[in-house]
C-alpha atoms as a PDB file:
ATOM      1  CA  MET A   1      11.751  27.444  20.368  1.00  0.00           C
ATOM      2  CA  GLY A   2      14.342  29.066  18.179  1.00  0.00           C
ATOM      3  CA  GLN A   3      17.917  28.142  17.348  1.00  0.00           C
ATOM      4  CA  PRO A   4      21.180  29.812  16.392  1.00  0.00           C
ATOM      5  CA  VAL A   5      20.971  30.565  12.691  1.00  0.00           C
ATOM      6  CA  ASN A   6      24.594  29.804  11.901  1.00  0.00           C
ATOM      7  CA  THR A   7      25.454  27.004  14.298  1.00  0.00           C
ATOM      8  CA  THR A   8      28.680  25.264  13.303  1.00  0.00           C
ATOM      9  CA  ILE A   9      30.693  22.417  14.751  1.00  0.00           C
ATOM     10  CA  LYS A  10      32.797  25.017  16.597  1.00  0.00           C
ATOM     11  CA  ASP A  11      29.756  25.843  18.720  1.00  0.00           C
ATOM     12  CA  PHE A  12      29.872  22.363  20.267  1.00  0.00           C
ATOM     13  CA  VAL A  13      32.158  22.152  23.296  1.00  0.00           C
ATOM     14  CA  ASP A  14      32.004  18.360  23.136  1.00  0.00           C
ATOM     15  CA  VAL A  15      31.603  16.744  19.716  1.00  0.00           C
ATOM     16  CA  GLY A  16      31.595  13.196  21.045  1.00  0.00           C
ATOM     17  CA  ASP A  17      33.251  10.157  19.509  1.00  0.00           C
ATOM     18  CA  PRO A  18      31.595   8.343  16.579  1.00  0.00           C
ATOM     19  CA  SER A  19      33.909   5.361  17.134  1.00  0.00           C
ATOM     20  CA  ALA A  20      32.716   4.873  20.729  1.00  0.00           C
ATOM     21  CA  PRO A  21      30.368   1.938  21.502  1.00  0.00           C
ATOM     22  CA  ILE A  22      26.954   2.483  19.885  1.00  0.00           C
ATOM     23  CA  GLY A  23      24.512   3.980  22.365  1.00  0.00           C
ATOM     24  CA  SER A  24      27.193   5.236  24.740  1.00  0.00           C
ATOM     25  CA  PRO A  25      27.120   8.916  25.812  1.00  0.00           C
ATOM     26  CA  ALA A  26      30.125   9.759  23.600  1.00  0.00           C
ATOM     27  CA  TRP A  27      28.568   8.029  20.582  1.00  0.00           C
ATOM     28  CA  CYS A  28      25.205   9.719  21.176  1.00  0.00           C
ATOM     29  CA  LYS A  29      26.892  13.105  21.405  1.00  0.00           C
ATOM     30  CA  ALA A  30      28.611  12.544  18.063  1.00  0.00           C
ATOM     31  CA  ALA A  31      25.295  11.424  16.562  1.00  0.00           C
ATOM     32  CA  HIS A  32      23.627  14.569  17.912  1.00  0.00           C
ATOM     33  CA  VAL A  33      26.286  16.776  16.303  1.00  0.00           C
ATOM     34  CA  GLN A  34      25.683  14.950  13.009  1.00  0.00           C
ATOM     35  CA  LEU A  35      21.926  15.428  13.348  1.00  0.00           C
ATOM     36  CA  CYS A  36      22.379  19.173  13.762  1.00  0.00           C
ATOM     37  CA  ALA A  37      24.752  19.304  10.797  1.00  0.00           C
ATOM     38  CA  THR A  38      22.366  17.339   8.569  1.00  0.00           C
ATOM     39  CA  LYS A  39      19.471  19.582   9.589  1.00  0.00           C
ATOM     40  CA  HIS A  40      21.261  22.608   8.120  1.00  0.00           C
ATOM     41  CA  LYS A  41      21.902  20.936   4.754  1.00  0.00           C
ATOM     42  CA  THR A  42      18.670  22.075   3.169  1.00  0.00           C
ATOM     43  CA  ASP A  43      19.518  20.465  -0.176  1.00  0.00           C
ATOM     44  CA  TRP A  44      19.709  16.967   1.382  1.00  0.00           C
ATOM     45  CA  GLU A  45      16.823  14.568   1.005  1.00  0.00           C
ATOM     46  CA  VAL A  46      14.599  13.871   4.003  1.00  0.00           C
ATOM     47  CA  ARG A  47      15.723  10.230   4.211  1.00  0.00           C
ATOM     48  CA  HIS A  48      19.148  11.359   5.491  1.00  0.00           C
ATOM     49  CA  LEU A  49      17.552  13.033   8.499  1.00  0.00           C
ATOM     50  CA  LYS A  50      14.543  10.753   9.027  1.00  0.00           C
ATOM     51  CA  TYR A  51      16.599   7.617   9.695  1.00  0.00           C
ATOM     52  CA  ASP A  52      18.751   9.329  12.319  1.00  0.00           C
ATOM     53  CA  LEU A  53      15.765  11.015  13.977  1.00  0.00           C
ATOM     54  CA  ARG A  54      13.941   7.702  14.232  1.00  0.00           C
ATOM     55  CA  GLU A  55      17.037   6.064  15.744  1.00  0.00           C
ATOM     56  CA  PHE A  56      17.342   8.846  18.328  1.00  0.00           C
ATOM     57  CA  ARG A  57      13.639   8.728  19.203  1.00  0.00           C
ATOM     58  CA  ASP A  58      12.897   4.991  19.170  1.00  0.00           C
ATOM     59  CA  LYS A  59      16.068   3.950  20.985  1.00  0.00           C
ATOM     60  CA  GLU A  60      15.952   6.991  23.275  1.00  0.00           C
ATOM     61  CA  ARG A  61      19.500   8.079  22.475  1.00  0.00           C
ATOM     62  CA  TRP A  62      18.570  11.575  23.649  1.00  0.00           C
ATOM     63  CA  LYS A  63      18.561  10.308  27.237  1.00  0.00           C
ATOM     64  CA  GLN A  64      22.354  10.082  27.049  1.00  0.00           C
ATOM     65  CA  LEU A  65      22.687  13.817  26.414  1.00  0.00           C
ATOM     66  CA  PRO A  66      22.740  16.675  28.941  1.00  0.00           C
ATOM     67  CA  ASP A  67      20.788  19.890  28.564  1.00  0.00           C
ATOM     68  CA  SER A  68      22.331  23.347  28.944  1.00  0.00           C
ATOM     69  CA  LYS A  69      22.368  22.880  32.737  1.00  0.00           C
ATOM     70  CA  GLY A  70      24.162  19.553  32.528  1.00  0.00           C
ATOM     71  CA  LYS A  71      21.063  17.544  33.475  1.00  0.00           C
ATOM     72  CA  PRO A  72      19.598  14.716  31.351  1.00  0.00           C
ATOM     73  CA  PHE A  73      16.764  15.698  29.044  1.00  0.00           C
ATOM     74  CA  ARG A  74      13.391  14.821  30.575  1.00  0.00           C
ATOM     75  CA  SER A  75      11.599  14.104  27.314  1.00  0.00           C
ATOM     76  CA  TRP A  76      11.969  13.725  23.546  1.00  0.00           C
ATOM     77  CA  LYS A  77      10.091  17.015  23.110  1.00  0.00           C
ATOM     78  CA  GLN A  78      12.502  18.855  25.404  1.00  0.00           C
ATOM     79  CA  TYR A  79      15.515  17.517  23.482  1.00  0.00           C
ATOM     80  CA  VAL A  80      14.006  18.350  20.098  1.00  0.00           C
ATOM     81  CA  GLU A  81      12.949  21.899  20.987  1.00  0.00           C
ATOM     82  CA  THR A  82      15.958  22.928  23.110  1.00  0.00           C
ATOM     83  CA  PRO A  83      18.098  25.312  21.003  1.00  0.00           C
ATOM     84  CA  GLU A  84      21.420  24.169  19.592  1.00  0.00           C
ATOM     85  CA  PRO A  85      24.046  23.222  20.498  1.00  0.00           C
ATOM     86  CA  ASP A  86      22.439  21.240  23.350  1.00  0.00           C
ATOM     87  CA  GLY A  87      19.264  20.203  21.493  1.00  0.00           C
ATOM     88  CA  LEU A  88      18.014  20.281  17.915  1.00  0.00           C
ATOM     89  CA  GLY A  89      16.232  23.635  18.119  1.00  0.00           C
ATOM     90  CA  VAL A  90      13.287  22.482  15.993  1.00  0.00           C
ATOM     91  CA  PRO A  91       9.530  22.575  16.758  1.00  0.00           C
ATOM     92  CA  LEU A  92       8.312  19.084  17.597  1.00  0.00           C
ATOM     93  CA  GLU A  93       5.684  19.268  14.856  1.00  0.00           C
ATOM     94  CA  SER A  94       8.415  19.830  12.248  1.00  0.00           C
ATOM     95  CA  VAL A  95      10.291  16.744  13.418  1.00  0.00           C
ATOM     96  CA  GLN A  96       7.043  14.788  13.385  1.00  0.00           C
ATOM     97  CA  ALA A  97       6.421  15.955   9.814  1.00  0.00           C
ATOM     98  CA  ILE A  98       9.771  14.506   8.756  1.00  0.00           C
ATOM     99  CA  LEU A  99       9.107  11.202  10.518  1.00  0.00           C
ATOM    100  CA  GLU A 100       5.664  10.937   8.878  1.00  0.00           C
ATOM    101  CA  ILE A 101       6.624  11.991   5.354  1.00  0.00           C
ATOM    102  CA  THR A 102       6.301   9.238   2.773  1.00  0.00           C
ATOM    103  CA  LYS A 103       8.198  10.793  -0.138  1.00  0.00           C
ATOM    104  CA  ASP A 104      11.787  10.697   1.035  1.00  0.00           C
ATOM    105  CA  ASN A 105      13.024  12.664  -1.967  1.00  0.00           C
ATOM    106  CA  ALA A 106      11.532  15.834  -0.464  1.00  0.00           C
ATOM    107  CA  LEU A 107      14.261  18.242   0.588  1.00  0.00           C
ATOM    108  CA  ILE A 108      14.907  19.006   4.235  1.00  0.00           C
ATOM    109  CA  GLY A 109      14.640  22.699   3.500  1.00  0.00           C
ATOM    110  CA  GLN A 110      11.131  22.235   2.154  1.00  0.00           C
ATOM    111  CA  VAL A 111      10.042  20.584   5.409  1.00  0.00           C
ATOM    112  CA  LEU A 112      11.910  22.565   8.029  1.00  0.00           C
ATOM    113  CA  GLY A 113      12.221  25.890   6.284  1.00  0.00           C
ATOM    114  CA  LYS A 114      15.435  27.870   6.046  1.00  0.00           C
ATOM    115  CA  HIS A 115      15.959  28.215   9.797  1.00  0.00           C
ATOM    116  CA  GLY A 116      14.540  24.938  11.057  1.00  0.00           C
ATOM    117  CA  GLY A 117      10.872  25.807  11.470  1.00  0.00           C
ATOM    118  CA  ASP A 118       7.728  26.422   9.500  1.00  0.00           C
ATOM    119  CA  ARG A 119       7.935  30.153   8.776  1.00  0.00           C
ATOM    120  CA  ARG A 120       5.263  30.245   6.101  1.00  0.00           C
ATOM    121  CA  SER A 121       2.407  32.688   6.487  1.00  0.00           C
ATOM    122  CA  GLU A 122      -0.876  31.473   7.935  1.00  0.00           C
ATOM    123  CA  GLY A 123      -2.434  31.750   4.486  1.00  0.00           C
ATOM    124  CA  ALA A 124       0.302  29.628   2.909  1.00  0.00           C
ATOM    125  CA  ARG A 125      -0.031  26.990   5.636  1.00  0.00           C
ATOM    126  CA  ASN A 126      -3.773  26.870   5.054  1.00  0.00           C
ATOM    127  CA  GLN A 127      -3.228  26.380   1.321  1.00  0.00           C
ATOM    128  CA  VAL A 128      -0.914  23.437   2.004  1.00  0.00           C
ATOM    129  CA  ARG A 129      -3.429  21.978   4.472  1.00  0.00           C
ATOM    130  CA  ASP A 130      -6.343  22.384   2.049  1.00  0.00           C
ATOM    131  CA  ALA A 131      -4.352  20.737  -0.745  1.00  0.00           C
ATOM    132  CA  LYS A 132      -3.807  17.693   1.490  1.00  0.00           C
ATOM    133  CA  LEU A 133      -7.496  17.614   2.373  1.00  0.00           C
ATOM    134  CA  LYS A 134      -8.557  17.483  -1.278  1.00  0.00           C
ATOM    135  CA  SER A 135      -7.080  14.010  -1.668  1.00  0.00           C
ATOM    136  CA  GLY A 136      -9.843  12.558   0.511  1.00  0.00           C
ATOM    137  CA  THR A 137      -7.798   9.388   1.062  1.00  0.00           C
ATOM    138  CA  MET A 138      -6.865   8.258   4.549  1.00  0.00           C
ATOM    139  CA  THR A 139      -3.144   8.991   4.267  1.00  0.00           C
ATOM    140  CA  SER A 140      -1.179  10.336   7.223  1.00  0.00           C
ATOM    141  CA  ASP A 141      -0.917  13.732   5.526  1.00  0.00           C
ATOM    142  CA  TYR A 142      -4.693  13.852   4.985  1.00  0.00           C
ATOM    143  CA  LEU A 143      -5.482  12.828   8.559  1.00  0.00           C
ATOM    144  CA  LEU A 144      -3.037  15.327  10.055  1.00  0.00           C
ATOM    145  CA  ALA A 145      -4.591  18.042   7.921  1.00  0.00           C
ATOM    146  CA  ARG A 146      -8.039  17.017   9.205  1.00  0.00           C
ATOM    147  CA  PHE A 147      -6.768  17.246  12.793  1.00  0.00           C
ATOM    148  CA  GLU A 148      -5.338  20.705  12.131  1.00  0.00           C
ATOM    149  CA  ARG A 149      -8.610  21.953  10.679  1.00  0.00           C
ATOM    150  CA  ASP A 150     -11.210  20.176  12.798  1.00  0.00           C
ATOM    151  CA  HIS A 151      -9.510  18.679  15.861  1.00  0.00           C
ATOM    152  CA  PRO A 152      -6.566  20.813  17.049  1.00  0.00           C
ATOM    153  CA  GLU A 153      -6.757  19.201  20.494  1.00  0.00           C
ATOM    154  CA  ILE A 154      -6.239  15.755  18.915  1.00  0.00           C
ATOM    155  CA  LEU A 155      -3.340  17.103  16.860  1.00  0.00           C
ATOM    156  CA  ALA A 156      -1.700  18.518  19.992  1.00  0.00           C
ATOM    157  CA  ALA A 157      -2.186  15.227  21.844  1.00  0.00           C
ATOM    158  CA  TYR A 158      -0.723  13.297  18.903  1.00  0.00           C
ATOM    159  CA  TYR A 159       2.402  15.457  18.896  1.00  0.00           C
ATOM    160  CA  ARG A 160       2.715  14.940  22.654  1.00  0.00           C
ATOM    161  CA  GLY A 161       2.949  11.214  21.952  1.00  0.00           C
ATOM    162  CA  GLU A 162      -0.443  10.349  23.497  1.00  0.00           C
ATOM    163  CA  PHE A 163      -1.402   8.233  20.483  1.00  0.00           C
ATOM    164  CA  LYS A 164       0.628   5.343  19.098  1.00  0.00           C
ATOM    165  CA  SER A 165      -0.225   6.188  15.498  1.00  0.00           C
ATOM    166  CA  VAL A 166      -2.045   8.654  13.272  1.00  0.00           C
ATOM    167  CA  ARG A 167      -4.768   6.009  12.832  1.00  0.00           C
ATOM    168  CA  ALA A 168      -5.279   5.748  16.604  1.00  0.00           C
ATOM    169  CA  ALA A 169      -5.651   9.523  16.781  1.00  0.00           C
ATOM    170  CA  ALA A 170      -8.094   9.448  13.851  1.00  0.00           C
ATOM    171  CA  ILE A 171     -10.228   6.860  15.659  1.00  0.00           C
ATOM    172  CA  ALA A 172     -10.281   9.077  18.764  1.00  0.00           C
ATOM    173  CA  ALA A 173     -11.322  12.019  16.590  1.00  0.00           C
ATOM    174  CA  GLY A 174     -14.131   9.990  15.030  1.00  0.00           C
ATOM    175  CA  ILE A 175     -12.677  10.296  11.530  1.00  0.00           C
ATOM    176  CA  ILE A 176     -12.068   6.550  11.266  1.00  0.00           C
ATOM    177  CA  GLU A 177     -14.542   4.023  12.594  1.00  0.00           C
ATOM    178  CA  PRO A 178     -12.777   1.035  14.179  1.00  0.00           C
ATOM    179  CA  PRO A 179     -13.948  -2.360  12.894  1.00  0.00           C
ATOM    180  CA  THR A 180     -16.671  -3.989  14.951  1.00  0.00           C
ATOM    181  CA  PRO A 181     -16.561  -7.670  15.959  1.00  0.00           C
ATOM    182  CA  LEU A 182     -19.077  -8.278  13.157  1.00  0.00           C
ATOM    183  CA  ASP A 183     -16.780  -6.576  10.651  1.00  0.00           C
ATOM    184  CA  ARG A 184     -13.908  -8.792  11.779  1.00  0.00           C
ATOM    185  CA  LEU A 185     -16.077 -11.907  11.562  1.00  0.00           C
ATOM    186  CA  ARG A 186     -17.063 -11.054   8.000  1.00  0.00           C
ATOM    187  CA  ALA A 187     -13.454 -10.413   7.028  1.00  0.00           C
ATOM    188  CA  ASP A 188     -12.250 -13.650   8.634  1.00  0.00           C
ATOM    189  CA  TRP A 189     -15.087 -15.602   6.997  1.00  0.00           C
ATOM    190  CA  LYS A 190     -13.908 -14.481   3.553  1.00  0.00           C
ATOM    191  CA  LYS A 191     -10.390 -15.641   4.368  1.00  0.00           C
ATOM    192  CA  ALA A 192     -11.441 -18.994   5.792  1.00  0.00           C
ATOM    193  CA  SER A 193     -11.222 -22.185   3.747  1.00  0.00           C
ATOM    194  CA  ALA A 194     -14.295 -24.310   2.974  1.00  0.00           C
ATOM    195  CA  GLU A 195     -13.194 -26.799   5.618  1.00  0.00           C
ATOM    196  CA  GLU A 196     -12.762 -24.071   8.230  1.00  0.00           C
ATOM    197  CA  ARG A 197     -16.193 -22.641   7.443  1.00  0.00           C
ATOM    198  CA  HIS A 198     -17.765 -26.087   7.752  1.00  0.00           C
ATOM    199  CA  THR A 199     -16.070 -26.644  11.134  1.00  0.00           C
ATOM    200  CA  PHE A 200     -17.159 -23.234  12.369  1.00  0.00           C
ATOM    201  CA  LEU A 201     -20.797 -23.805  11.376  1.00  0.00           C
ATOM    202  CA  LYS A 202     -20.816 -27.171  13.122  1.00  0.00           C
ATOM    203  CA  GLU A 203     -19.444 -25.555  16.299  1.00  0.00           C
ATOM    204  CA  ILE A 204     -22.074 -22.815  16.444  1.00  0.00           C
ATOM    205  CA  HIS A 205     -24.907 -25.154  15.376  1.00  0.00           C
ATOM    206  CA  PRO A 206     -24.113 -28.519  17.011  1.00  0.00           C
END
């Protein structure tokens, strides 16, 4: 979904009350206005937006806000992708990119793009994806790039919130093999003390 390019605080009929009790509708409205304002400051570091986004998502602050028809938002995705001033007006995948990013000194503008979305060409997006794939290490960026290239259905399900983590999605995609009971036994054996190993051997070989 798109968003007004030049949204300002004057576009908000109700700007809320930041001094209201935390989590109340008035406080959440004020926090939403601040989120929208921060999103437009493309020279700010990601950490300024990531913390507030995580607060809104994990504590479900968005449930305190009405959509353009005055009804509560039905989902995090609906709130995120509804255009300003009611929602954030950002593709869910862009918000997810901010929440997943590990280098907080990246600029918001580099992640969201000038108008709040990824407006790079397909070729440029592929170059970014391929650069992440070259690392070969199981970072979130690498795994998401693998999903985009090889498992778009897993990527879509991940962004819908059907997986608790990137790792869980990677296991479903077959990229990561979950440890077997034997693997866990071997790992626990290495951690066990000599006394614990002796007790264990006595129990399995009485």
